Amino acid sequence: MFTITVPDIAACLGVCAASPRNWLTDCPRQRAGSTFTYRLSDVVASVRAHRTRGLNAAEARSLVEVDRVKRSYADDTLFLGEDALPRARRLSATLTRPERERLMYCQSQFTAALVQTLLDRDLFMHIDILRDVLIMHPDILAYVLTSNSPLPDWPQLAPAFAVINAPTPINEAA
């Protein structure tokens, strides 16, 4: 979901607007009125890649809160987009050790819930990809970055997330 603007980033990080513009040149964006919006996941990966001092915990929490407030008015948070896997891998490469540990916890909970709730076992052909892109879900990313965001109801999220984000259609004969 495209929720974060350059002014949001500048305010959260205490920098001038020119810096985020430079950091985000390679990020997908959407026009929202007279400004552009970016995905939180892309912002985090880009800031960590381009900013010398990276992104500290307080700055990450600020960006997560901006995303959460703006996201509350949107509908769909399940579909991650066709480009989710490369974006997820780029973001995952920037995670700190504690963030990686929180992501692994989420991945294990997701897998366990999927095993318990999903009837179509064909989705398990894509389990590695689904586990990789799980970080792109806004609630999971918020938890991974802050450790104090609420986690979803895994049995409810896992099957829907898997069906919507599997890389190929499950039933091609539809």
C-alpha atoms as a PDB file:
ATOM      1  CA  MET A   1       0.000   0.000   0.000  1.00  0.00           C
ATOM      2  CA  PHE A   2       1.290   3.395  -0.979  1.00  0.00           C
ATOM      3  CA  THR A   3       0.933   5.530   2.161  1.00  0.00           C
ATOM      4  CA  ILE A   4       4.180   7.363   2.928  1.00  0.00           C
ATOM      5  CA  THR A   5       5.046  10.743   1.389  1.00  0.00           C
ATOM      6  CA  VAL A   6       8.361  12.611   1.208  1.00  0.00           C
ATOM      7  CA  PRO A   7       7.122  15.133   3.807  1.00  0.00           C
ATOM      8  CA  ASP A   8       6.242  12.180   6.097  1.00  0.00           C
ATOM      9  CA  ILE A   9       9.748  10.760   5.740  1.00  0.00           C
ATOM     10  CA  ALA A  10      11.373  14.146   6.260  1.00  0.00           C
ATOM     11  CA  ALA A  11       9.348  14.698   9.452  1.00  0.00           C
ATOM     12  CA  CYS A  12       9.978  11.197  10.830  1.00  0.00           C
ATOM     13  CA  LEU A  13      13.704  11.301  10.158  1.00  0.00           C
ATOM     14  CA  GLY A  14      14.331  14.987  10.860  1.00  0.00           C
ATOM     15  CA  VAL A  15      15.825  15.672   7.436  1.00  0.00           C
ATOM     16  CA  CYS A  16      15.073  18.118   4.637  1.00  0.00           C
ATOM     17  CA  ALA A  17      12.762  16.947   1.828  1.00  0.00           C
ATOM     18  CA  ALA A  18      15.617  16.710  -0.681  1.00  0.00           C
ATOM     19  CA  SER A  19      17.190  13.741   1.112  1.00  0.00           C
ATOM     20  CA  PRO A  20      14.207  11.373   0.885  1.00  0.00           C
ATOM     21  CA  ARG A  21      13.681  12.370  -2.739  1.00  0.00           C
ATOM     22  CA  ASN A  22      17.248  11.268  -3.491  1.00  0.00           C
ATOM     23  CA  TRP A  23      16.902   8.034  -1.522  1.00  0.00           C
ATOM     24  CA  LEU A  24      13.620   7.059  -3.228  1.00  0.00           C
ATOM     25  CA  THR A  25      14.539   7.578  -6.883  1.00  0.00           C
ATOM     26  CA  ASP A  26      14.435   3.835  -7.599  1.00  0.00           C
ATOM     27  CA  CYS A  27      11.231   3.103  -5.631  1.00  0.00           C
ATOM     28  CA  PRO A  28       7.781   2.467  -7.096  1.00  0.00           C
ATOM     29  CA  ARG A  29       5.368   5.265  -6.291  1.00  0.00           C
ATOM     30  CA  GLN A  30       1.817   6.435  -6.875  1.00  0.00           C
ATOM     31  CA  ARG A  31       0.525   9.928  -7.389  1.00  0.00           C
ATOM     32  CA  ALA A  32      -1.813  11.152  -4.663  1.00  0.00           C
ATOM     33  CA  GLY A  33      -2.973  14.617  -5.574  1.00  0.00           C
ATOM     34  CA  SER A  34       0.056  16.843  -5.937  1.00  0.00           C
ATOM     35  CA  THR A  35       2.486  14.474  -4.234  1.00  0.00           C
ATOM     36  CA  PHE A  36       3.756  10.918  -4.549  1.00  0.00           C
ATOM     37  CA  THR A  37       3.226   8.125  -2.057  1.00  0.00           C
ATOM     38  CA  TYR A  38       5.526   5.179  -1.371  1.00  0.00           C
ATOM     39  CA  ARG A  39       5.189   1.799   0.332  1.00  0.00           C
ATOM     40  CA  LEU A  40       6.601   1.542   3.850  1.00  0.00           C
ATOM     41  CA  SER A  41       8.603  -1.536   2.865  1.00  0.00           C
ATOM     42  CA  ASP A  42      10.278   0.303  -0.018  1.00  0.00           C
ATOM     43  CA  VAL A  43      10.978   3.356   2.141  1.00  0.00           C
ATOM     44  CA  VAL A  44      12.675   1.272   4.843  1.00  0.00           C
ATOM     45  CA  ALA A  45      14.831  -0.632   2.350  1.00  0.00           C
ATOM     46  CA  SER A  46      15.798   2.533   0.462  1.00  0.00           C
ATOM     47  CA  VAL A  47      16.606   4.606   3.523  1.00  0.00           C
ATOM     48  CA  ARG A  48      18.754   1.806   4.938  1.00  0.00           C
ATOM     49  CA  ALA A  49      20.541   1.401   1.606  1.00  0.00           C
ATOM     50  CA  HIS A  50      21.187   5.089   0.924  1.00  0.00           C
ATOM     51  CA  ARG A  51      21.382   6.851   4.287  1.00  0.00           C
ATOM     52  CA  THR A  52      24.763   6.591   5.955  1.00  0.00           C
ATOM     53  CA  ARG A  53      23.346   6.108   9.452  1.00  0.00           C
ATOM     54  CA  GLY A  54      20.486   3.928   8.290  1.00  0.00           C
ATOM     55  CA  LEU A  55      17.221   3.917  10.212  1.00  0.00           C
ATOM     56  CA  ASN A  56      17.071   3.751  13.998  1.00  0.00           C
ATOM     57  CA  ALA A  57      14.271   2.147  16.018  1.00  0.00           C
ATOM     58  CA  ALA A  58      12.523   5.428  16.869  1.00  0.00           C
ATOM     59  CA  GLU A  59      12.503   6.504  13.223  1.00  0.00           C
ATOM     60  CA  ALA A  60      11.163   3.105  12.161  1.00  0.00           C
ATOM     61  CA  ARG A  61       8.379   3.368  14.766  1.00  0.00           C
ATOM     62  CA  SER A  62       7.471   6.826  13.449  1.00  0.00           C
ATOM     63  CA  LEU A  63       7.234   5.578   9.871  1.00  0.00           C
ATOM     64  CA  VAL A  64       5.192   2.556  10.985  1.00  0.00           C
ATOM     65  CA  GLU A  65       2.754   4.843  12.798  1.00  0.00           C
ATOM     66  CA  VAL A  66       2.327   7.093   9.755  1.00  0.00           C
ATOM     67  CA  ASP A  67       1.676   4.011   7.629  1.00  0.00           C
ATOM     68  CA  ARG A  68      -0.801   2.608  10.167  1.00  0.00           C
ATOM     69  CA  VAL A  69      -2.810   5.842  10.366  1.00  0.00           C
ATOM     70  CA  LYS A  70      -2.988   6.293   6.606  1.00  0.00           C
ATOM     71  CA  ARG A  71      -3.661   2.599   6.009  1.00  0.00           C
ATOM     72  CA  SER A  72      -6.689   2.580   8.303  1.00  0.00           C
ATOM     73  CA  TYR A  73      -8.702   4.213   5.530  1.00  0.00           C
ATOM     74  CA  ALA A  74      -7.707   1.741   2.839  1.00  0.00           C
ATOM     75  CA  ASP A  75      -9.330  -1.578   2.006  1.00  0.00           C
ATOM     76  CA  ASP A  76      -6.987  -4.271   0.758  1.00  0.00           C
ATOM     77  CA  THR A  77      -3.830  -5.208   2.621  1.00  0.00           C
ATOM     78  CA  LEU A  78      -3.554  -8.796   1.389  1.00  0.00           C
ATOM     79  CA  PHE A  79      -2.464  -8.499  -2.244  1.00  0.00           C
ATOM     80  CA  LEU A  80       1.183  -7.490  -2.338  1.00  0.00           C
ATOM     81  CA  GLY A  81       1.629  -6.953  -6.073  1.00  0.00           C
ATOM     82  CA  GLU A  82       3.433  -8.769  -8.838  1.00  0.00           C
ATOM     83  CA  ASP A  83       6.793  -7.362  -7.759  1.00  0.00           C
ATOM     84  CA  ALA A  84       6.501  -8.485  -4.117  1.00  0.00           C
ATOM     85  CA  LEU A  85       9.268 -11.101  -4.146  1.00  0.00           C
ATOM     86  CA  PRO A  86      12.162  -8.893  -5.304  1.00  0.00           C
ATOM     87  CA  ARG A  87      10.983  -6.089  -3.022  1.00  0.00           C
ATOM     88  CA  ALA A  88      10.727  -8.519  -0.085  1.00  0.00           C
ATOM     89  CA  ARG A  89      14.222  -9.836  -0.695  1.00  0.00           C
ATOM     90  CA  ARG A  90      15.615  -6.315  -0.920  1.00  0.00           C
ATOM     91  CA  LEU A  91      13.943  -5.387   2.368  1.00  0.00           C
ATOM     92  CA  SER A  92      14.946  -8.616   4.128  1.00  0.00           C
ATOM     93  CA  ALA A  93      18.583  -7.980   3.262  1.00  0.00           C
ATOM     94  CA  THR A  94      18.452  -4.774   5.343  1.00  0.00           C
ATOM     95  CA  LEU A  95      16.991  -6.292   8.525  1.00  0.00           C
ATOM     96  CA  THR A  96      18.879  -6.240  11.792  1.00  0.00           C
ATOM     97  CA  ARG A  97      19.376  -9.456  13.762  1.00  0.00           C
ATOM     98  CA  PRO A  98      16.404  -8.812  16.114  1.00  0.00           C
ATOM     99  CA  GLU A  99      14.225  -7.945  13.121  1.00  0.00           C
ATOM    100  CA  ARG A 100      15.249 -11.169  11.356  1.00  0.00           C
ATOM    101  CA  GLU A 101      14.366 -13.130  14.484  1.00  0.00           C
ATOM    102  CA  ARG A 102      10.912 -11.523  14.636  1.00  0.00           C
ATOM    103  CA  LEU A 103      10.418 -12.272  10.935  1.00  0.00           C
ATOM    104  CA  MET A 104      11.373 -15.923  11.448  1.00  0.00           C
ATOM    105  CA  TYR A 105       8.837 -16.145  14.274  1.00  0.00           C
ATOM    106  CA  CYS A 106       6.140 -14.736  11.964  1.00  0.00           C
ATOM    107  CA  GLN A 107       7.134 -17.134   9.197  1.00  0.00           C
ATOM    108  CA  SER A 108       6.855 -20.118  11.535  1.00  0.00           C
ATOM    109  CA  GLN A 109       3.448 -18.987  12.809  1.00  0.00           C
ATOM    110  CA  PHE A 110       2.268 -18.432   9.238  1.00  0.00           C
ATOM    111  CA  THR A 111       3.430 -21.886   8.153  1.00  0.00           C
ATOM    112  CA  ALA A 112       1.836 -23.593  11.155  1.00  0.00           C
ATOM    113  CA  ALA A 113      -1.471 -21.805  10.553  1.00  0.00           C
ATOM    114  CA  LEU A 114      -1.359 -22.682   6.875  1.00  0.00           C
ATOM    115  CA  VAL A 115      -0.821 -26.349   7.662  1.00  0.00           C
ATOM    116  CA  GLN A 116      -3.766 -26.334  10.074  1.00  0.00           C
ATOM    117  CA  THR A 117      -6.264 -24.407   7.960  1.00  0.00           C
ATOM    118  CA  LEU A 118      -5.592 -24.887   4.270  1.00  0.00           C
ATOM    119  CA  LEU A 119      -7.349 -27.601   2.337  1.00  0.00           C
ATOM    120  CA  ASP A 120      -5.585 -27.077  -1.014  1.00  0.00           C
ATOM    121  CA  ARG A 121      -2.144 -28.565  -0.542  1.00  0.00           C
ATOM    122  CA  ASP A 122      -0.988 -27.303  -3.954  1.00  0.00           C
ATOM    123  CA  LEU A 123      -0.174 -23.976  -2.306  1.00  0.00           C
ATOM    124  CA  PHE A 124       2.644 -25.668  -0.416  1.00  0.00           C
ATOM    125  CA  MET A 125       4.606 -25.799  -3.670  1.00  0.00           C
ATOM    126  CA  HIS A 126       5.009 -22.052  -3.113  1.00  0.00           C
ATOM    127  CA  ILE A 127       5.614 -22.033   0.640  1.00  0.00           C
ATOM    128  CA  ASP A 128       9.148 -20.641   0.384  1.00  0.00           C
ATOM    129  CA  ILE A 129       8.007 -17.731  -1.770  1.00  0.00           C
ATOM    130  CA  LEU A 130       5.012 -17.075   0.475  1.00  0.00           C
ATOM    131  CA  ARG A 131       7.264 -17.071   3.548  1.00  0.00           C
ATOM    132  CA  ASP A 132       9.635 -14.653   1.793  1.00  0.00           C
ATOM    133  CA  VAL A 133       6.907 -12.178   0.835  1.00  0.00           C
ATOM    134  CA  LEU A 134       5.172 -12.362   4.222  1.00  0.00           C
ATOM    135  CA  ILE A 135       7.293  -9.415   5.407  1.00  0.00           C
ATOM    136  CA  MET A 136       5.538  -7.227   2.851  1.00  0.00           C
ATOM    137  CA  HIS A 137       2.208  -7.502   4.683  1.00  0.00           C
ATOM    138  CA  PRO A 138       1.862  -4.181   6.538  1.00  0.00           C
ATOM    139  CA  ASP A 139       1.012  -5.720   9.932  1.00  0.00           C
ATOM    140  CA  ILE A 140       3.896  -8.175   9.753  1.00  0.00           C
ATOM    141  CA  LEU A 141       6.324  -5.454   8.692  1.00  0.00           C
ATOM    142  CA  ALA A 142       5.144  -3.224  11.547  1.00  0.00           C
ATOM    143  CA  TYR A 143       5.793  -6.035  14.048  1.00  0.00           C
ATOM    144  CA  VAL A 144       9.187  -6.893  12.556  1.00  0.00           C
ATOM    145  CA  LEU A 145      10.314  -3.261  12.713  1.00  0.00           C
ATOM    146  CA  THR A 146       8.902  -2.341  16.124  1.00  0.00           C
ATOM    147  CA  SER A 147       8.312  -5.601  18.069  1.00  0.00           C
ATOM    148  CA  ASN A 148       5.266  -4.089  19.740  1.00  0.00           C
ATOM    149  CA  SER A 149       2.697  -4.034  16.948  1.00  0.00           C
ATOM    150  CA  PRO A 150      -0.150  -6.535  17.179  1.00  0.00           C
ATOM    151  CA  LEU A 151       0.145  -9.653  15.073  1.00  0.00           C
ATOM    152  CA  PRO A 152      -2.729 -10.907  12.942  1.00  0.00           C
ATOM    153  CA  ASP A 153      -4.961 -13.865  13.704  1.00  0.00           C
ATOM    154  CA  TRP A 154      -2.770 -16.432  11.923  1.00  0.00           C
ATOM    155  CA  PRO A 155      -5.491 -19.012  11.117  1.00  0.00           C
ATOM    156  CA  GLN A 156      -7.537 -16.241   9.523  1.00  0.00           C
ATOM    157  CA  LEU A 157      -4.687 -14.520   7.661  1.00  0.00           C
ATOM    158  CA  ALA A 158      -2.627 -17.490   6.441  1.00  0.00           C
ATOM    159  CA  PRO A 159      -5.001 -19.152   3.944  1.00  0.00           C
ATOM    160  CA  ALA A 160      -6.227 -15.877   2.437  1.00  0.00           C
ATOM    161  CA  PHE A 161      -2.703 -14.493   2.176  1.00  0.00           C
ATOM    162  CA  ALA A 162      -1.465 -17.703   0.541  1.00  0.00           C
ATOM    163  CA  VAL A 163      -4.257 -17.925  -2.018  1.00  0.00           C
ATOM    164  CA  ILE A 164      -3.978 -14.259  -3.000  1.00  0.00           C
ATOM    165  CA  ASN A 165      -0.174 -14.112  -3.161  1.00  0.00           C
ATOM    166  CA  ALA A 166       0.738 -17.513  -4.594  1.00  0.00           C
ATOM    167  CA  PRO A 167       2.857 -16.861  -7.695  1.00  0.00           C
ATOM    168  CA  THR A 168       0.681 -18.957 -10.021  1.00  0.00           C
ATOM    169  CA  PRO A 169      -3.042 -19.628 -10.161  1.00  0.00           C
ATOM    170  CA  ILE A 170      -4.136 -22.636  -8.131  1.00  0.00           C
ATOM    171  CA  ASN A 171      -7.014 -23.602 -10.382  1.00  0.00           C
ATOM    172  CA  GLU A 172      -6.248 -22.705 -13.984  1.00  0.00           C
ATOM    173  CA  ALA A 173      -9.451 -24.295 -15.283  1.00  0.00           C
ATOM    174  CA  ALA A 174     -11.690 -21.616 -13.791  1.00  0.00           C
END
